[in-house]
Amino acid sequence: MKKTVIFDLDGTLADTIYDIRDALCCMRRKLGFGDISVEDTLKNINNGAYVLVKKSLPEECTQDEEFIAAAKKVYESYYQKCYNSKTKAFTGCTEMLMKLTESGCQLAVLSNKQQSFVTEIVSTLFPEIPFVCVIGQGEFPTKPDPAAVEFIVRKTGASKSECFLVGDSDVDMQTAINAGIHPVGVSWGYRDAEILREKGAVFIAGEPADINNKILLTQI
């Protein structure tokens, strides 16, 4: 049975935080607020654009749903212009993905970022990788809902015992657990390794090559 490996995008395969932060700063300036730091941006990601924007607004704005919706549109208009400006693949990820592919694994990407951005970033950064699915926010509920994972598992025909979700956040770990597949954490992303362990990661990859070694050479 071929193994299926599902990857988160932001903080796992790609370093996207600086483009996200730039778009949030532009949004906040447009709305009359000051810039937001990279550190605060990191605290606010992982749950989709709506939650990102809501958490990035001043507290007094977070109960006004119409204001949040309008701010989200402003954010998305700016992110559309810069989403691939500073974004880059983490060192070693392309080689890791190639090795998994050559070893017969079926690969997919699952992100809470909007579908159009996910599609473009993945095709730009990893044009030679034959992903079975590239799924962003849209058709399925956002992570940690397991619906998208279950769709990928069905499409690949793999058993859940041979499926892995690799990510950098507690949301990714919970998604894997909800779907009944193996949660794998990465330490180079946007959340501390200890959080990933606490949330159920079966192992933590310190570098992309560790994913190859663990998934291909050992049994979890």
Protein backbone atom coordinates (compact mmCIF):
# COMPACT_ATOMS: atom_id res chain seq x y z
CA MET A 1 0.00 0.00 0.00
CA LYS A 2 1.36 3.43 -0.95
CA LYS A 3 1.77 5.93 1.85
CA THR A 4 -0.06 9.26 1.68
CA VAL A 5 1.61 12.34 3.15
CA ILE A 6 -0.46 15.51 3.54
CA PHE A 7 1.41 18.75 4.13
CA ASP A 8 0.35 22.02 5.67
CA LEU A 9 1.64 24.99 3.67
CA ASP A 10 2.35 28.07 5.84
CA GLY A 11 5.19 27.36 8.26
CA THR A 12 5.64 23.80 6.98
CA LEU A 13 6.55 23.87 3.30
CA ALA A 14 6.70 27.64 2.81
CA ASP A 15 7.78 30.65 4.84
CA THR A 16 4.85 32.97 4.14
CA ILE A 17 4.76 35.11 7.25
CA TYR A 18 6.38 38.26 5.82
CA ASP A 19 3.90 38.60 2.96
CA ILE A 20 1.02 37.98 5.37
CA ARG A 21 2.37 40.60 7.74
CA ASP A 22 2.86 43.14 4.93
CA ALA A 23 -0.76 42.73 3.82
CA LEU A 24 -2.01 43.06 7.39
CA CYS A 25 0.02 46.24 7.88
CA CYS A 26 -1.47 47.70 4.69
CA MET A 27 -4.96 46.75 5.87
CA ARG A 28 -4.43 48.32 9.28
CA ARG A 29 -3.05 51.54 7.78
CA LYS A 30 -6.01 51.72 5.41
CA LEU A 31 -8.34 51.42 8.41
CA GLY A 32 -6.46 54.03 10.43
CA PHE A 33 -4.40 51.77 12.69
CA GLY A 34 -0.65 51.22 13.12
CA ASP A 35 1.46 48.35 11.83
CA ILE A 36 1.43 44.86 13.31
CA SER A 37 4.59 43.00 14.28
CA VAL A 38 5.78 39.69 12.86
CA GLU A 39 5.45 38.22 16.35
CA ASP A 40 1.79 39.21 16.64
CA THR A 41 1.13 38.00 13.11
CA LEU A 42 2.52 34.60 14.08
CA LYS A 43 0.14 34.45 17.04
CA ASN A 44 -2.86 35.07 14.79
CA ILE A 45 -2.34 32.60 11.94
CA ASN A 46 -3.47 28.99 11.34
CA ASN A 47 -7.27 29.35 11.43
CA GLY A 48 -8.07 31.01 8.11
CA ALA A 49 -8.31 34.58 6.87
CA TYR A 50 -11.37 35.60 8.88
CA VAL A 51 -9.80 34.65 12.22
CA LEU A 52 -6.45 36.13 11.15
CA VAL A 53 -8.03 39.48 10.34
CA LYS A 54 -10.23 39.51 13.44
CA LYS A 55 -7.29 38.81 15.76
CA SER A 56 -5.20 41.43 13.97
CA LEU A 57 -7.69 44.23 14.64
CA PRO A 58 -7.90 46.35 17.81
CA GLU A 59 -10.02 44.77 20.54
CA GLU A 60 -12.75 47.38 20.18
CA CYS A 61 -13.39 46.24 16.59
CA THR A 62 -13.65 42.51 17.17
CA GLN A 63 -17.37 42.42 18.00
CA ASP A 64 -18.42 44.23 14.82
CA GLU A 65 -18.98 41.50 12.23
CA GLU A 66 -19.58 43.93 9.37
CA PHE A 67 -16.34 45.75 10.15
CA ILE A 68 -14.40 42.47 10.28
CA ALA A 69 -15.88 41.37 6.95
CA ALA A 70 -14.94 44.67 5.36
CA ALA A 71 -11.45 44.51 6.85
CA LYS A 72 -11.03 40.98 5.47
CA LYS A 73 -11.79 42.25 1.97
CA VAL A 74 -9.18 44.98 2.40
CA TYR A 75 -6.63 42.44 3.64
CA GLU A 76 -7.30 40.09 0.74
CA SER A 77 -6.96 42.91 -1.79
CA TYR A 78 -3.49 43.71 -0.47
CA TYR A 79 -2.46 40.07 -0.05
CA GLN A 80 -3.45 39.44 -3.67
CA LYS A 81 -0.71 41.89 -4.65
CA CYS A 82 2.07 40.57 -2.41
CA TYR A 83 1.38 36.92 -1.53
CA ASN A 84 4.33 35.63 -3.57
CA SER A 85 6.71 38.56 -3.04
CA LYS A 86 8.72 37.33 -0.03
CA THR A 87 7.29 33.83 0.29
CA LYS A 88 9.82 31.05 -0.23
CA ALA A 89 10.17 27.32 0.30
CA PHE A 90 11.94 26.29 3.47
CA THR A 91 15.41 24.93 2.77
CA GLY A 92 15.32 21.22 2.03
CA CYS A 93 11.59 20.93 1.40
CA THR A 94 11.82 20.53 -2.37
CA GLU A 95 14.37 17.75 -2.01
CA MET A 96 12.27 16.08 0.68
CA LEU A 97 9.16 16.16 -1.50
CA MET A 98 11.08 14.79 -4.49
CA LYS A 99 12.41 11.88 -2.45
CA LEU A 100 8.98 11.02 -1.13
CA THR A 101 7.59 11.11 -4.67
CA GLU A 102 10.39 8.94 -6.04
CA SER A 103 9.74 6.47 -3.23
CA GLY A 104 6.14 6.07 -4.31
CA CYS A 105 4.37 8.23 -1.74
CA GLN A 106 1.25 10.13 -2.70
CA LEU A 107 1.48 13.78 -1.66
CA ALA A 108 -1.11 16.46 -0.96
CA VAL A 109 -1.26 19.99 0.45
CA LEU A 110 -3.96 21.10 2.88
CA SER A 111 -4.07 24.70 4.06
CA ASN A 112 -6.49 27.08 5.76
CA LYS A 113 -5.29 29.81 3.38
CA GLN A 114 -7.66 30.77 0.57
CA GLN A 115 -7.66 28.28 -2.32
CA SER A 116 -6.43 30.66 -5.02
CA PHE A 117 -3.38 31.65 -2.99
CA VAL A 118 -2.57 28.05 -2.06
CA THR A 119 -2.76 26.93 -5.67
CA GLU A 120 -0.49 29.69 -6.93
CA ILE A 121 2.10 29.40 -4.14
CA VAL A 122 2.37 25.64 -4.50
CA SER A 123 2.67 25.77 -8.29
CA THR A 124 5.31 28.51 -8.05
CA LEU A 125 7.46 26.94 -5.33
CA PHE A 126 7.05 23.26 -6.21
CA PRO A 127 6.31 23.02 -9.95
CA GLU A 128 7.82 19.55 -10.35
CA ILE A 129 5.98 17.87 -7.48
CA PRO A 130 2.92 15.83 -8.61
CA PHE A 131 0.58 16.56 -5.72
CA VAL A 132 -2.57 14.46 -5.79
CA CYS A 133 -4.55 17.31 -4.19
CA VAL A 134 -3.86 20.94 -3.33
CA ILE A 135 -6.66 22.12 -1.06
CA GLY A 136 -7.15 25.54 0.49
CA GLN A 137 -10.08 27.26 2.17
CA GLY A 138 -13.20 26.97 0.09
CA GLU A 139 -14.87 23.64 -0.66
CA PHE A 140 -14.22 22.06 2.74
CA PRO A 141 -14.46 23.35 6.32
CA THR A 142 -11.17 24.69 7.65
CA LYS A 143 -8.82 22.61 9.78
CA PRO A 144 -9.14 21.08 12.36
CA ASP A 145 -12.30 19.74 10.72
CA PRO A 146 -11.22 16.40 9.19
CA ALA A 147 -13.42 16.51 6.08
CA ALA A 148 -10.65 17.55 3.65
CA VAL A 149 -8.26 14.96 5.05
CA GLU A 150 -10.88 12.26 4.68
CA PHE A 151 -11.44 13.34 1.07
CA ILE A 152 -7.70 13.06 0.35
CA VAL A 153 -7.50 9.64 1.99
CA ARG A 154 -10.40 8.37 -0.11
CA LYS A 155 -8.91 9.82 -3.30
CA THR A 156 -5.53 8.19 -2.74
CA GLY A 157 -7.03 4.88 -1.68
CA ALA A 158 -4.61 4.61 1.24
CA SER A 159 -5.46 3.12 4.59
CA LYS A 160 -5.42 5.60 7.44
CA SER A 161 -2.61 3.64 9.07
CA GLU A 162 -0.45 4.64 6.09
CA CYS A 163 -1.44 8.33 6.09
CA PHE A 164 0.40 11.24 7.70
CA LEU A 165 -0.37 14.93 8.19
CA VAL A 166 2.79 17.05 8.47
CA GLY A 167 2.40 20.50 9.98
CA ASP A 168 3.82 23.16 12.25
CA SER A 169 0.80 23.96 14.40
CA ASP A 170 -1.52 22.58 17.04
CA VAL A 171 -4.31 22.95 14.48
CA ASP A 172 -2.53 20.49 12.16
CA MET A 173 -1.98 17.97 14.95
CA GLN A 174 -5.63 18.16 15.96
CA THR A 175 -6.73 17.78 12.35
CA ALA A 176 -4.74 14.56 11.99
CA ILE A 177 -6.12 13.19 15.24
CA ASN A 178 -9.68 14.10 14.22
CA ALA A 179 -9.17 12.25 10.92
CA GLY A 180 -7.53 9.21 12.52
CA ILE A 181 -4.16 9.55 10.78
CA HIS A 182 -0.62 10.12 12.07
CA PRO A 183 0.21 13.71 13.17
CA VAL A 184 3.80 14.75 12.38
CA GLY A 185 5.24 18.03 13.64
CA VAL A 186 8.01 20.20 12.20
CA SER A 187 10.19 22.36 14.42
CA TRP A 188 11.21 24.95 11.80
CA GLY A 189 7.73 26.46 11.51
CA TYR A 190 5.65 28.97 13.45
CA ARG A 191 4.89 27.00 16.64
CA ASP A 192 7.15 25.55 19.33
CA ALA A 193 7.92 21.83 19.17
CA GLU A 194 6.66 21.38 22.72
CA ILE A 195 3.20 22.56 21.69
CA LEU A 196 3.19 20.00 18.88
CA ARG A 197 4.17 17.21 21.27
CA GLU A 198 1.46 18.25 23.72
CA LYS A 199 -1.09 18.19 20.90
CA GLY A 200 -0.21 14.63 19.89
CA ALA A 201 2.62 14.68 17.33
CA VAL A 202 3.98 11.15 16.91
CA PHE A 203 7.36 12.67 16.14
CA ILE A 204 8.96 16.06 15.49
CA ALA A 205 11.07 16.62 12.37
CA GLY A 206 14.00 18.95 13.03
CA GLU A 207 14.72 19.28 9.30
CA PRO A 208 12.94 18.13 6.13
CA ALA A 209 15.21 15.11 5.69
CA ASP A 210 13.89 13.75 9.00
CA ILE A 211 10.49 13.31 7.36
CA ASN A 212 12.01 11.10 4.67
CA ASN A 213 13.90 9.05 7.23
CA LYS A 214 10.97 8.54 9.57
CA ILE A 215 8.17 7.97 7.07
CA LEU A 216 10.16 5.94 4.54
CA LEU A 217 12.54 3.98 6.73
CA THR A 218 10.63 3.30 9.93
CA GLN A 219 7.18 2.33 11.05
CA ILE A 220 5.20 4.74 13.25
